[in-house]
């Protein structure tokens, strides 16, 4: 079955960086676009970044544009989210998702605070 396992979250100070990873299994990873979402306490889950199946095209939410970079390694069935210049409002649980399937991993908590 499809499995998505996120990792790499943690506590970081404002201005810091984190790199999230999502290991995928149970489907042909290289055939599908992938996305990162996040959900802050009391808020709706929102799309953060999207990458096409071969990785040639990406899109970002306006709130993270210029600070976050999505990438993928199809040989390792893994999608990444490099997050720089983090702000307190980036605090959320981050999830990856495969296009076309409503399956979610457990997420990884990112907390940006002094």
C-alpha atoms as a PDB file:
ATOM      1  CA  UNK A   1       0.000   0.000   0.000  1.00  0.00           C
ATOM      2  CA  UNK A   2       1.024   3.636  -0.390  1.00  0.00           C
ATOM      3  CA  UNK A   3       3.166   4.913   2.470  1.00  0.00           C
ATOM      4  CA  UNK A   4       4.568   8.387   3.029  1.00  0.00           C
ATOM      5  CA  UNK A   5       6.993   8.936   5.903  1.00  0.00           C
ATOM      6  CA  UNK A   6       8.004  12.502   6.710  1.00  0.00           C
ATOM      7  CA  UNK A   7      11.062  13.393   8.777  1.00  0.00           C
ATOM      8  CA  UNK A   8      13.445  16.237   9.528  1.00  0.00           C
ATOM      9  CA  UNK A   9      11.270  18.541  11.581  1.00  0.00           C
ATOM     10  CA  UNK A  10      12.285  20.109  14.859  1.00  0.00           C
ATOM     11  CA  UNK A  11      12.691  23.287  16.856  1.00  0.00           C
ATOM     12  CA  UNK A  12      14.611  26.086  15.145  1.00  0.00           C
ATOM     13  CA  UNK A  13      15.127  29.769  15.867  1.00  0.00           C
ATOM     14  CA  UNK A  14      13.733  32.427  13.537  1.00  0.00           C
ATOM     15  CA  UNK A  15      16.061  32.858  10.574  1.00  0.00           C
ATOM     16  CA  UNK A  16      17.206  29.264  10.769  1.00  0.00           C
ATOM     17  CA  UNK A  17      16.905  26.403   8.291  1.00  0.00           C
ATOM     18  CA  UNK A  18      15.550  22.870   8.175  1.00  0.00           C
ATOM     19  CA  UNK A  19      15.405  20.212   5.495  1.00  0.00           C
ATOM     20  CA  UNK A  20      12.398  17.930   5.479  1.00  0.00           C
ATOM     21  CA  UNK A  21      12.343  14.536   3.776  1.00  0.00           C
ATOM     22  CA  UNK A  22       9.463  12.337   2.677  1.00  0.00           C
ATOM     23  CA  UNK A  23      10.168   8.706   1.850  1.00  0.00           C
ATOM     24  CA  UNK A  24       7.515   7.201  -0.410  1.00  0.00           C
ATOM     25  CA  UNK A  25       6.684   3.573  -1.142  1.00  0.00           C
ATOM     26  CA  UNK A  26       3.893   1.482  -2.632  1.00  0.00           C
ATOM     27  CA  UNK A  27       3.682   3.237  -5.992  1.00  0.00           C
ATOM     28  CA  UNK A  28       5.859   4.248  -8.938  1.00  0.00           C
ATOM     29  CA  UNK A  29       7.253   7.393  -7.380  1.00  0.00           C
ATOM     30  CA  UNK A  30       8.784   8.809 -10.547  1.00  0.00           C
ATOM     31  CA  UNK A  31       5.384   8.862 -12.275  1.00  0.00           C
ATOM     32  CA  UNK A  32       3.663  11.279  -9.913  1.00  0.00           C
ATOM     33  CA  UNK A  33       3.904  14.925  -8.957  1.00  0.00           C
ATOM     34  CA  UNK A  34       4.376  15.452  -5.245  1.00  0.00           C
ATOM     35  CA  UNK A  35       3.442  18.227  -2.842  1.00  0.00           C
ATOM     36  CA  UNK A  36       4.204  19.490   0.631  1.00  0.00           C
ATOM     37  CA  UNK A  37       1.360  20.775   2.795  1.00  0.00           C
ATOM     38  CA  UNK A  38       1.318  22.205   6.284  1.00  0.00           C
ATOM     39  CA  UNK A  39      -1.256  22.644   9.024  1.00  0.00           C
ATOM     40  CA  UNK A  40      -0.851  25.110  11.858  1.00  0.00           C
ATOM     41  CA  UNK A  41      -2.891  24.818  15.065  1.00  0.00           C
ATOM     42  CA  UNK A  42      -6.458  25.962  14.494  1.00  0.00           C
ATOM     43  CA  UNK A  43      -5.928  26.478  10.767  1.00  0.00           C
ATOM     44  CA  UNK A  44      -6.781  24.636   7.575  1.00  0.00           C
ATOM     45  CA  UNK A  45      -4.178  22.485   5.890  1.00  0.00           C
ATOM     46  CA  UNK A  46      -2.522  24.509   3.113  1.00  0.00           C
ATOM     47  CA  UNK A  47      -0.440  23.706   0.060  1.00  0.00           C
ATOM     48  CA  UNK A  48       3.157  24.878   0.445  1.00  0.00           C
ATOM     49  CA  UNK A  49       5.020  23.527  -2.570  1.00  0.00           C
ATOM     50  CA  UNK A  50       4.522  21.303  -5.605  1.00  0.00           C
ATOM     51  CA  UNK A  51       6.915  19.509  -7.929  1.00  0.00           C
ATOM     52  CA  UNK A  52       6.249  17.692 -11.177  1.00  0.00           C
ATOM     53  CA  UNK A  53       7.113  14.024 -11.638  1.00  0.00           C
ATOM     54  CA  UNK A  54      10.518  14.589 -13.246  1.00  0.00           C
ATOM     55  CA  UNK A  55      11.244  17.590 -11.061  1.00  0.00           C
ATOM     56  CA  UNK A  56      11.515  20.139 -13.847  1.00  0.00           C
ATOM     57  CA  UNK A  57       8.726  22.397 -12.616  1.00  0.00           C
ATOM     58  CA  UNK A  58       7.831  23.674  -9.176  1.00  0.00           C
ATOM     59  CA  UNK A  59       5.265  25.981  -7.592  1.00  0.00           C
ATOM     60  CA  UNK A  60       5.125  27.633  -4.185  1.00  0.00           C
ATOM     61  CA  UNK A  61       2.680  29.381  -1.925  1.00  0.00           C
ATOM     62  CA  UNK A  62       3.323  33.119  -1.898  1.00  0.00           C
ATOM     63  CA  UNK A  63       4.127  32.952   1.812  1.00  0.00           C
ATOM     64  CA  UNK A  64       7.175  30.729   1.241  1.00  0.00           C
ATOM     65  CA  UNK A  65       8.352  31.813  -2.200  1.00  0.00           C
ATOM     66  CA  UNK A  66      12.057  32.649  -2.179  1.00  0.00           C
ATOM     67  CA  UNK A  67      12.609  30.874   1.149  1.00  0.00           C
ATOM     68  CA  UNK A  68      11.572  27.250   0.533  1.00  0.00           C
ATOM     69  CA  UNK A  69      12.767  24.872  -2.180  1.00  0.00           C
ATOM     70  CA  UNK A  70      11.108  21.591  -3.111  1.00  0.00           C
ATOM     71  CA  UNK A  71      13.162  18.895  -4.815  1.00  0.00           C
ATOM     72  CA  UNK A  72      13.056  15.159  -5.394  1.00  0.00           C
ATOM     73  CA  UNK A  73      15.321  12.184  -5.936  1.00  0.00           C
ATOM     74  CA  UNK A  74      13.432   9.621  -7.995  1.00  0.00           C
ATOM     75  CA  UNK A  75      16.192   7.081  -7.461  1.00  0.00           C
ATOM     76  CA  UNK A  76      15.564   7.242  -3.717  1.00  0.00           C
ATOM     77  CA  UNK A  77      11.760   7.686  -3.879  1.00  0.00           C
ATOM     78  CA  UNK A  78      12.140  10.784  -1.752  1.00  0.00           C
ATOM     79  CA  UNK A  79      10.896  14.355  -1.924  1.00  0.00           C
ATOM     80  CA  UNK A  80      12.546  17.139   0.046  1.00  0.00           C
ATOM     81  CA  UNK A  81      11.635  20.570   1.341  1.00  0.00           C
ATOM     82  CA  UNK A  82      14.545  22.891   2.098  1.00  0.00           C
ATOM     83  CA  UNK A  83      13.292  25.665   4.354  1.00  0.00           C
ATOM     84  CA  UNK A  84      15.450  28.758   4.881  1.00  0.00           C
ATOM     85  CA  UNK A  85      14.909  32.028   6.714  1.00  0.00           C
ATOM     86  CA  UNK A  86      12.233  30.403   8.828  1.00  0.00           C
ATOM     87  CA  UNK A  87       9.644  32.557  10.564  1.00  0.00           C
ATOM     88  CA  UNK A  88       7.407  31.862  13.582  1.00  0.00           C
ATOM     89  CA  UNK A  89       4.425  31.711  11.224  1.00  0.00           C
ATOM     90  CA  UNK A  90       6.009  28.689   9.515  1.00  0.00           C
ATOM     91  CA  UNK A  91       5.292  26.681  12.658  1.00  0.00           C
ATOM     92  CA  UNK A  92       3.088  23.756  11.633  1.00  0.00           C
ATOM     93  CA  UNK A  93       2.946  20.039  11.006  1.00  0.00           C
ATOM     94  CA  UNK A  94       4.301  19.409   7.508  1.00  0.00           C
ATOM     95  CA  UNK A  95       2.997  16.607   5.288  1.00  0.00           C
ATOM     96  CA  UNK A  96       3.874  15.304   1.859  1.00  0.00           C
ATOM     97  CA  UNK A  97       1.254  14.040  -0.547  1.00  0.00           C
ATOM     98  CA  UNK A  98       1.094  12.251  -3.855  1.00  0.00           C
ATOM     99  CA  UNK A  99      -1.055  13.846  -6.519  1.00  0.00           C
ATOM    100  CA  UNK A 100      -4.338  12.041  -7.071  1.00  0.00           C
ATOM    101  CA  UNK A 101      -4.439  10.093  -3.824  1.00  0.00           C
ATOM    102  CA  UNK A 102      -5.881  11.144  -0.486  1.00  0.00           C
ATOM    103  CA  UNK A 103      -3.253   9.390   1.622  1.00  0.00           C
ATOM    104  CA  UNK A 104      -1.290  11.264   4.290  1.00  0.00           C
ATOM    105  CA  UNK A 105       1.692  10.374   6.393  1.00  0.00           C
ATOM    106  CA  UNK A 106       2.051  11.162  10.077  1.00  0.00           C
ATOM    107  CA  UNK A 107       3.647  14.511   9.329  1.00  0.00           C
ATOM    108  CA  UNK A 108       6.665  16.151  10.914  1.00  0.00           C
ATOM    109  CA  UNK A 109       6.423  19.028  13.393  1.00  0.00           C
ATOM    110  CA  UNK A 110       8.285  22.246  12.630  1.00  0.00           C
ATOM    111  CA  UNK A 111       8.447  24.824  15.414  1.00  0.00           C
ATOM    112  CA  UNK A 112      10.086  28.201  14.832  1.00  0.00           C
ATOM    113  CA  UNK A 113      10.668  29.991  18.114  1.00  0.00           C
ATOM    114  CA  UNK A 114      13.334  31.506  20.360  1.00  0.00           C
END
